[in-house]
Amino acid sequence: MEIGLVGMPNAGKSTLFNALTRHAVPTAPYPFTTIEPHRGVVPVPDPRLEALARIIRPERVVPATLTVVDIAGLVRNAHRGEGLGNQFLAHIREVDALLMVLRGFAAPNVPAGLGEVDPVAELEVLDLELALADLETVQRRLEKTRKAAKADPSAFAETLAALEDLAAHLQAGRPARTWPGREAWAGLLRELFLLTDKPRLLVLNVSEEDLPEDGRWAAELARRAAAEGSPFLVVCAELEAALNEWPEEEARAYRESLGLSGSALDRLIRAAYAHLGLITFFTITGGHEVRAWAIRKGTRAQQAAGRVHSDMERGFIRAEVIPWNVLVEAGSPQAARERGLWRIEGRDYEVQDGDVLHFRFHA
């Protein structure tokens, strides 16, 4: 899964990227310090994986991962080419979800994207630019479809009507994710790669003294996030980046003193997993490896096997399944087998969060 950090210049995207990934990409008090996107792969913390590793004692423990992408700042009229324009928008289309980073801190030497600190106004600008970019995408598809319809109007009548309705929806300033025809035309939306159809999380980046919640802006942003069904987090990216250099226990204690329930990465991952409908299953390869895999809730056993290797999906026979906590309580995979705790499931079994799976397949 890739999450793209989206925001106006100087909102703190690169600082947050460094905090989440422990990288050290450049940050500076002027726009477009970031031009080409930076990518960082971060492990997903999971105490269940650690518990399995304690009883298996494998050579390798491999967590699930999240890819974070730091994308250049967006400015007004980006859809018309202002700032980095189309280059910026193309990078957004490549990610699975958006992390909207909104500036809630004052810094006299770091000019705000709108000239003053106003994260609500920043969100409105970002929403407008993404919607206008999507509108241009839909209008181009409309022109192409109208030309194709001249030869056979009846074959394209429904598609044209859907595209016209979607264009009107976007023209009114509403995102594609709220379009009433979204489910019926899911295939068309996938082809269009619309920016406002992507799931997203809202993040208010504040100064340390405004933690754990910035009362001035947080209430309104939380209301907007709830209205659209998106998670909302308040973070101090500068503090989180600094705490990466502290001993783990000291950093945890300091966060607790501020009323924070965990690091920005922990809170982001929890919110992203819940919002995107992700769960985790585990595999054990002899005594060599214990690995975590992220999948969508509702994934079937055969599809889950394909996450491990395409050969497993093609030659799938069955899955041996045991909940992670049952395996830990048994003490070892062999002890669990001797007690009959492993179940046999077929290709249509819906994988549950925390399942340990062993796939049988034809090579």
Protein backbone atom coordinates (compact mmCIF):
# COMPACT_ATOMS: atom_id res chain seq x y z
CA MET A 1 0.00 0.00 0.00
CA GLU A 2 1.27 3.46 -0.90
CA ILE A 3 0.11 6.59 0.90
CA GLY A 4 0.93 9.95 -0.67
CA LEU A 5 1.52 13.04 1.49
CA VAL A 6 -0.43 15.87 -0.14
CA GLY A 7 -0.52 19.48 0.97
CA MET A 8 0.39 23.05 0.17
CA PRO A 9 4.03 24.23 0.23
CA ASN A 10 5.53 24.52 3.73
CA ALA A 11 2.76 22.49 5.39
CA GLY A 12 5.40 20.15 6.84
CA LYS A 13 5.01 17.18 4.47
CA SER A 14 8.72 16.43 4.23
CA THR A 15 9.18 16.78 8.00
CA LEU A 16 6.32 14.35 8.52
CA PHE A 17 7.82 12.04 5.90
CA ASN A 18 11.11 12.05 7.83
CA ALA A 19 9.26 11.38 11.09
CA LEU A 20 7.36 8.42 9.64
CA THR A 21 10.21 6.84 7.69
CA ARG A 22 13.32 7.90 9.70
CA HIS A 23 14.74 9.29 6.46
CA ALA A 24 16.45 12.66 6.19
CA VAL A 25 15.09 14.28 3.03
CA PRO A 26 15.78 18.02 2.75
CA THR A 27 13.43 20.50 4.41
CA ALA A 28 13.66 24.26 3.91
CA PRO A 29 11.52 27.37 4.50
CA TYR A 30 10.61 27.89 0.84
CA PRO A 31 8.22 26.20 -1.60
CA PHE A 32 9.13 23.14 -3.67
CA THR A 33 12.04 21.87 -1.62
CA THR A 34 10.59 18.56 -2.80
CA ILE A 35 10.34 18.23 -6.59
CA GLU A 36 10.69 14.54 -7.34
CA PRO A 37 8.73 12.40 -4.88
CA HIS A 38 10.60 10.67 -2.07
CA ARG A 39 9.59 7.11 -1.15
CA GLY A 40 10.13 5.39 2.17
CA VAL A 41 9.11 1.87 3.18
CA VAL A 42 8.20 1.55 6.85
CA PRO A 43 7.44 -1.62 8.86
CA VAL A 44 3.96 -1.97 10.35
CA PRO A 45 4.38 -2.48 14.12
CA ASP A 46 2.48 -5.60 15.22
CA PRO A 47 2.89 -7.22 18.68
CA ARG A 48 1.26 -10.40 17.32
CA LEU A 49 4.21 -10.89 14.96
CA GLU A 50 6.59 -10.45 17.90
CA ALA A 51 4.65 -13.03 19.94
CA LEU A 52 4.85 -15.56 17.09
CA ALA A 53 8.56 -14.91 16.69
CA ARG A 54 9.16 -15.67 20.39
CA ILE A 55 7.79 -19.21 20.07
CA ILE A 56 9.19 -19.95 16.57
CA ARG A 57 12.60 -18.26 16.99
CA PRO A 58 13.04 -17.87 13.21
CA GLU A 59 16.07 -16.63 11.35
CA ARG A 60 14.01 -13.77 9.91
CA VAL A 61 10.98 -11.81 11.09
CA VAL A 62 9.38 -9.82 8.26
CA PRO A 63 6.64 -7.31 9.10
CA ALA A 64 4.04 -5.98 6.72
CA THR A 65 5.10 -2.66 5.19
CA LEU A 66 3.65 0.68 4.23
CA THR A 67 5.16 2.88 1.51
CA VAL A 68 5.01 6.61 2.24
CA VAL A 69 5.46 9.02 -0.67
CA ASP A 70 6.42 12.67 -0.11
CA ILE A 71 4.91 14.62 -3.02
CA ALA A 72 5.70 18.23 -3.99
CA GLY A 73 3.42 20.95 -2.64
CA LEU A 74 0.21 21.83 -4.44
CA VAL A 75 -0.73 25.46 -5.11
CA ARG A 76 -3.78 27.27 -6.44
CA ASN A 77 -4.39 26.55 -10.15
CA ALA A 78 -2.17 23.48 -10.13
CA HIS A 79 -4.70 21.92 -12.53
CA ARG A 80 -3.72 24.69 -14.98
CA GLY A 81 -0.01 24.03 -14.55
CA GLU A 82 0.81 26.44 -11.72
CA GLY A 83 3.63 25.33 -9.42
CA LEU A 84 4.63 21.84 -10.54
CA GLY A 85 1.15 21.39 -12.02
CA ASN A 86 0.60 18.23 -14.00
CA GLN A 87 3.81 16.64 -12.68
CA PHE A 88 2.44 16.93 -9.15
CA LEU A 89 -0.97 15.57 -10.11
CA ALA A 90 0.53 12.60 -11.95
CA HIS A 91 2.39 11.55 -8.78
CA ILE A 92 -0.86 11.64 -6.78
CA ARG A 93 -2.57 9.30 -9.25
CA GLU A 94 0.00 6.58 -8.54
CA VAL A 95 -0.74 6.16 -4.80
CA ASP A 96 -3.47 4.11 -3.11
CA ALA A 97 -4.54 6.68 -0.54
CA LEU A 98 -3.92 10.33 0.30
CA LEU A 99 -2.67 11.85 3.53
CA MET A 100 -3.81 15.48 3.43
CA VAL A 101 -1.24 17.44 5.48
CA LEU A 102 -2.67 20.77 6.69
CA ARG A 103 -0.58 23.46 8.35
CA GLY A 104 -1.64 24.46 11.86
CA PHE A 105 1.63 25.95 13.14
CA ALA A 106 3.01 29.48 13.03
CA ALA A 107 6.62 30.08 11.94
CA PRO A 108 7.57 33.62 10.89
CA ASN A 109 10.50 32.39 8.79
CA VAL A 110 8.39 29.79 6.96
CA PRO A 111 5.75 31.44 4.75
CA ALA A 112 2.36 29.71 4.69
CA GLY A 113 0.98 28.47 1.39
CA LEU A 114 -1.93 30.95 1.52
CA GLY A 115 0.00 33.79 3.16
CA GLU A 116 -1.49 33.02 6.59
CA VAL A 117 -2.02 29.92 8.69
CA ASP A 118 -5.49 28.59 7.88
CA PRO A 119 -5.68 24.79 7.54
CA VAL A 120 -9.42 24.84 6.77
CA ALA A 121 -8.81 27.17 3.82
CA GLU A 122 -5.88 24.98 2.73
CA LEU A 123 -8.14 21.93 2.66
CA GLU A 124 -10.66 23.82 0.54
CA VAL A 125 -7.94 24.79 -1.96
CA LEU A 126 -6.64 21.23 -2.12
CA ASP A 127 -10.14 19.84 -2.62
CA LEU A 128 -10.89 22.34 -5.36
CA GLU A 129 -7.67 21.66 -7.26
CA LEU A 130 -8.14 17.90 -7.14
CA ALA A 131 -11.78 18.21 -8.23
CA LEU A 132 -10.87 20.50 -11.15
CA ALA A 133 -8.12 18.12 -12.24
CA ASP A 134 -10.65 15.27 -12.16
CA LEU A 135 -13.14 17.34 -14.12
CA GLU A 136 -10.59 17.81 -16.90
CA THR A 137 -9.97 14.05 -16.93
CA VAL A 138 -13.69 13.30 -17.21
CA GLN A 139 -14.20 15.93 -19.91
CA ARG A 140 -11.42 14.39 -22.00
CA ARG A 141 -13.07 10.99 -21.68
CA LEU A 142 -16.40 12.59 -22.62
CA GLU A 143 -14.96 14.04 -25.82
CA LYS A 144 -13.43 10.69 -26.74
CA THR A 145 -16.68 8.82 -26.01
CA ARG A 146 -18.80 11.31 -27.99
CA LYS A 147 -16.60 10.75 -31.03
CA ALA A 148 -16.92 6.97 -30.67
CA ALA A 149 -20.72 7.28 -30.22
CA LYS A 150 -21.18 8.87 -33.65
CA ALA A 151 -20.79 5.45 -35.26
CA ASP A 152 -23.11 3.65 -32.82
CA PRO A 153 -25.05 6.01 -30.50
CA SER A 154 -27.00 3.29 -28.70
CA ALA A 155 -23.83 1.42 -27.67
CA PHE A 156 -22.46 4.44 -25.80
CA ALA A 157 -25.66 6.08 -24.56
CA GLU A 158 -25.40 4.83 -20.96
CA THR A 159 -21.69 5.59 -20.68
CA LEU A 160 -22.22 9.10 -22.02
CA ALA A 161 -25.02 9.72 -19.54
CA ALA A 162 -22.84 8.47 -16.67
CA LEU A 163 -19.88 10.64 -17.71
CA GLU A 164 -22.09 13.72 -18.06
CA ASP A 165 -23.58 13.11 -14.61
CA LEU A 166 -20.10 12.63 -13.12
CA ALA A 167 -18.86 15.81 -14.80
CA ALA A 168 -21.79 17.78 -13.35
CA HIS A 169 -21.05 16.31 -9.92
CA LEU A 170 -17.42 17.43 -10.10
CA GLN A 171 -18.37 20.80 -11.58
CA ALA A 172 -20.43 21.43 -8.45
CA GLY A 173 -17.25 20.99 -6.39
CA ARG A 174 -18.13 17.55 -5.05
CA PRO A 175 -15.58 14.69 -5.00
CA ALA A 176 -15.94 11.52 -7.06
CA ARG A 177 -16.13 9.41 -3.88
CA THR A 178 -19.60 10.95 -3.18
CA TRP A 179 -20.95 10.47 -6.73
CA PRO A 180 -24.26 8.51 -6.56
CA GLY A 181 -23.25 6.41 -9.57
CA ARG A 182 -19.99 5.31 -7.98
CA GLU A 183 -20.93 1.69 -7.32
CA ALA A 184 -22.73 1.11 -10.61
CA TRP A 185 -19.80 2.55 -12.57
CA ALA A 186 -16.91 1.29 -10.42
CA GLY A 187 -15.11 -0.08 -13.48
CA LEU A 188 -15.24 3.28 -15.24
CA LEU A 189 -13.89 5.06 -12.17
CA ARG A 190 -10.98 2.61 -11.96
CA GLU A 191 -10.10 3.43 -15.57
CA LEU A 192 -10.19 7.18 -14.90
CA PHE A 193 -7.87 7.10 -11.82
CA LEU A 194 -9.69 10.07 -10.32
CA LEU A 195 -7.90 11.88 -7.51
CA THR A 196 -11.06 12.61 -5.52
CA ASP A 197 -12.06 8.94 -5.63
CA LYS A 198 -9.09 7.91 -3.50
CA PRO A 199 -9.56 7.22 0.21
CA ARG A 200 -7.84 9.79 2.38
CA LEU A 201 -6.86 10.80 5.89
CA LEU A 202 -6.68 14.37 7.20
CA VAL A 203 -3.67 15.40 9.31
CA LEU A 204 -3.34 18.71 11.11
CA ASN A 205 0.36 19.49 11.64
CA VAL A 206 0.72 21.67 14.74
CA SER A 207 3.42 22.95 17.07
CA GLU A 208 4.26 20.99 20.23
CA GLU A 209 2.41 23.35 22.56
CA ASP A 210 -0.84 22.64 20.69
CA LEU A 211 -0.74 18.89 21.36
CA PRO A 212 -2.64 16.63 21.80
CA GLU A 213 -5.39 18.65 20.10
CA ASP A 214 -5.30 22.07 18.52
CA GLY A 215 -8.60 23.58 19.63
CA ARG A 216 -8.50 26.44 17.17
CA TRP A 217 -8.72 24.29 14.06
CA ALA A 218 -9.21 20.69 15.13
CA ALA A 219 -12.94 20.84 15.85
CA GLU A 220 -13.84 22.10 12.37
CA LEU A 221 -11.46 19.70 10.60
CA ALA A 222 -12.70 16.79 12.71
CA ARG A 223 -16.26 17.69 11.75
CA ARG A 224 -15.39 17.76 8.04
CA ALA A 225 -13.48 14.50 8.30
CA ALA A 226 -16.41 12.81 10.05
CA ALA A 227 -18.85 14.11 7.43
CA GLU A 228 -16.88 12.44 4.64
CA GLY A 229 -15.99 9.35 6.67
CA SER A 230 -12.24 10.04 6.76
CA PRO A 231 -9.91 9.64 9.78
CA PHE A 232 -8.48 12.82 11.35
CA LEU A 233 -5.21 13.07 13.27
CA VAL A 234 -3.37 15.90 15.02
CA VAL A 235 0.43 15.55 14.93
CA CYS A 236 3.53 17.61 15.49
CA ALA A 237 5.79 16.44 12.67
CA GLU A 238 8.80 18.39 14.00
CA LEU A 239 8.50 16.76 17.41
CA GLU A 240 7.98 13.27 15.95
CA ALA A 241 11.09 13.64 13.80
CA ALA A 242 13.10 14.72 16.86
CA LEU A 243 11.79 11.85 19.03
CA ASN A 244 13.13 9.36 16.49
CA GLU A 245 16.57 10.19 17.91
CA TRP A 246 15.53 9.47 21.52
CA PRO A 247 15.74 6.10 23.29
CA GLU A 248 12.45 4.29 22.69
CA GLU A 249 11.31 4.23 26.33
CA GLU A 250 12.05 7.93 26.83
CA ALA A 251 10.20 8.84 23.63
CA ARG A 252 7.19 6.76 24.72
CA ALA A 253 7.12 8.39 28.15
CA TYR A 254 7.33 11.88 26.64
CA ARG A 255 4.47 11.18 24.24
CA GLU A 256 2.37 9.91 27.15
CA SER A 257 3.11 13.12 29.08
CA LEU A 258 1.62 15.03 26.14
CA GLY A 259 -1.47 12.85 26.07
CA LEU A 260 -0.55 11.04 22.84
CA SER A 261 -1.64 7.41 22.37
CA GLY A 262 1.46 6.48 20.38
CA SER A 263 3.86 7.70 17.71
CA ALA A 264 2.57 9.40 14.57
CA LEU A 265 3.42 6.23 12.66
CA ASP A 266 1.47 4.00 15.05
CA ARG A 267 -1.57 6.27 14.97
CA LEU A 268 -1.41 6.69 11.20
CA ILE A 269 -1.20 2.94 10.58
CA ARG A 270 -4.10 2.20 12.92
CA ALA A 271 -6.23 4.82 11.20
CA ALA A 272 -5.19 3.74 7.69
CA TYR A 273 -5.84 0.04 8.33
CA ALA A 274 -9.30 0.76 9.73
CA HIS A 275 -10.20 3.24 6.97
CA LEU A 276 -8.93 1.09 4.10
CA GLY A 277 -10.36 -2.15 5.47
CA LEU A 278 -6.98 -3.88 5.84
CA ILE A 279 -6.23 -6.92 7.98
CA THR A 280 -3.08 -8.98 8.60
CA PHE A 281 -2.36 -12.68 8.23
CA PHE A 282 0.87 -14.52 9.05
CA THR A 283 2.93 -17.28 7.47
CA ILE A 284 5.60 -19.50 9.00
CA THR A 285 8.29 -21.06 6.82
CA GLY A 286 9.76 -23.86 8.91
CA GLY A 287 12.01 -22.27 11.48
CA HIS A 288 13.39 -19.86 8.91
CA GLU A 289 10.86 -17.04 8.65
CA VAL A 290 7.76 -15.56 10.23
CA ARG A 291 6.10 -12.96 8.02
CA ALA A 292 3.10 -10.63 8.19
CA TRP A 293 0.99 -9.84 5.11
CA ALA A 294 -1.55 -7.03 4.70
CA ILE A 295 -4.70 -7.81 2.69
CA ARG A 296 -8.17 -6.36 2.24
CA LYS A 297 -10.86 -7.57 4.59
CA GLY A 298 -12.93 -10.18 2.76
CA THR A 299 -9.97 -11.69 0.89
CA ARG A 300 -10.39 -15.42 0.19
CA ALA A 301 -7.75 -18.03 1.01
CA GLN A 302 -6.73 -18.58 -2.61
CA GLN A 303 -6.26 -14.83 -3.15
CA ALA A 304 -4.25 -14.61 0.06
CA ALA A 305 -1.99 -17.38 -1.24
CA GLY A 306 -1.35 -15.17 -4.27
CA ARG A 307 0.02 -12.46 -1.98
CA VAL A 308 2.74 -14.91 -0.96
CA HIS A 309 3.46 -16.23 -4.46
CA SER A 310 1.51 -16.43 -7.71
CA ASP A 311 2.32 -20.17 -7.98
CA MET A 312 0.50 -20.75 -4.70
CA GLU A 313 -2.63 -19.10 -6.03
CA ARG A 314 -2.56 -20.99 -9.34
CA GLY A 315 -1.91 -24.39 -7.74
CA PHE A 316 -3.95 -23.82 -4.57
CA ILE A 317 -5.19 -27.03 -2.89
CA ARG A 318 -6.12 -25.97 0.64
CA ALA A 319 -5.09 -23.76 3.54
CA GLU A 320 -4.22 -24.91 7.04
CA VAL A 321 -5.42 -22.22 9.46
CA ILE A 322 -4.93 -21.37 13.12
CA PRO A 323 -5.54 -18.06 14.97
CA TRP A 324 -2.27 -16.48 16.07
CA ASN A 325 -3.20 -16.45 19.78
CA VAL A 326 -4.18 -20.15 19.72
CA LEU A 327 -0.81 -20.99 18.19
CA VAL A 328 1.07 -18.91 20.78
CA GLU A 329 -0.86 -20.60 23.58
CA ALA A 330 -0.01 -24.04 22.11
CA GLY A 331 3.68 -23.15 22.19
CA SER A 332 4.68 -24.34 18.71
CA PRO A 333 3.17 -25.33 15.34
CA GLN A 334 3.90 -29.00 16.08
CA ALA A 335 2.23 -28.88 19.49
CA ALA A 336 -0.80 -27.25 17.88
CA ARG A 337 -0.96 -30.07 15.30
CA GLU A 338 -0.76 -32.71 17.98
CA ARG A 339 -3.71 -31.10 19.73
CA GLY A 340 -5.72 -30.82 16.48
CA LEU A 341 -5.84 -27.02 16.57
CA TRP A 342 -5.07 -26.45 12.88
CA ARG A 343 -8.16 -26.33 10.61
CA ILE A 344 -8.41 -27.25 6.94
CA GLU A 345 -10.10 -24.58 4.78
CA GLY A 346 -10.82 -24.39 1.04
CA ARG A 347 -10.24 -21.70 -1.56
CA ASP A 348 -13.34 -19.69 -0.58
CA TYR A 349 -12.46 -19.36 3.10
CA GLU A 350 -12.52 -15.68 4.13
CA VAL A 351 -9.23 -14.93 5.85
CA GLN A 352 -9.61 -13.39 9.31
CA ASP A 353 -7.37 -10.81 10.94
CA GLY A 354 -4.60 -12.62 12.84
CA ASP A 355 -4.89 -15.95 11.01
CA VAL A 356 -1.71 -17.99 10.60
CA LEU A 357 -1.92 -19.74 7.22
CA HIS A 358 -0.01 -22.65 5.72
CA PHE A 359 -0.81 -23.15 2.03
CA ARG A 360 -0.83 -26.49 0.25
CA PHE A 361 -0.49 -26.18 -3.53
CA HIS A 362 0.57 -27.97 -6.71
CA ALA A 363 3.98 -26.73 -7.79
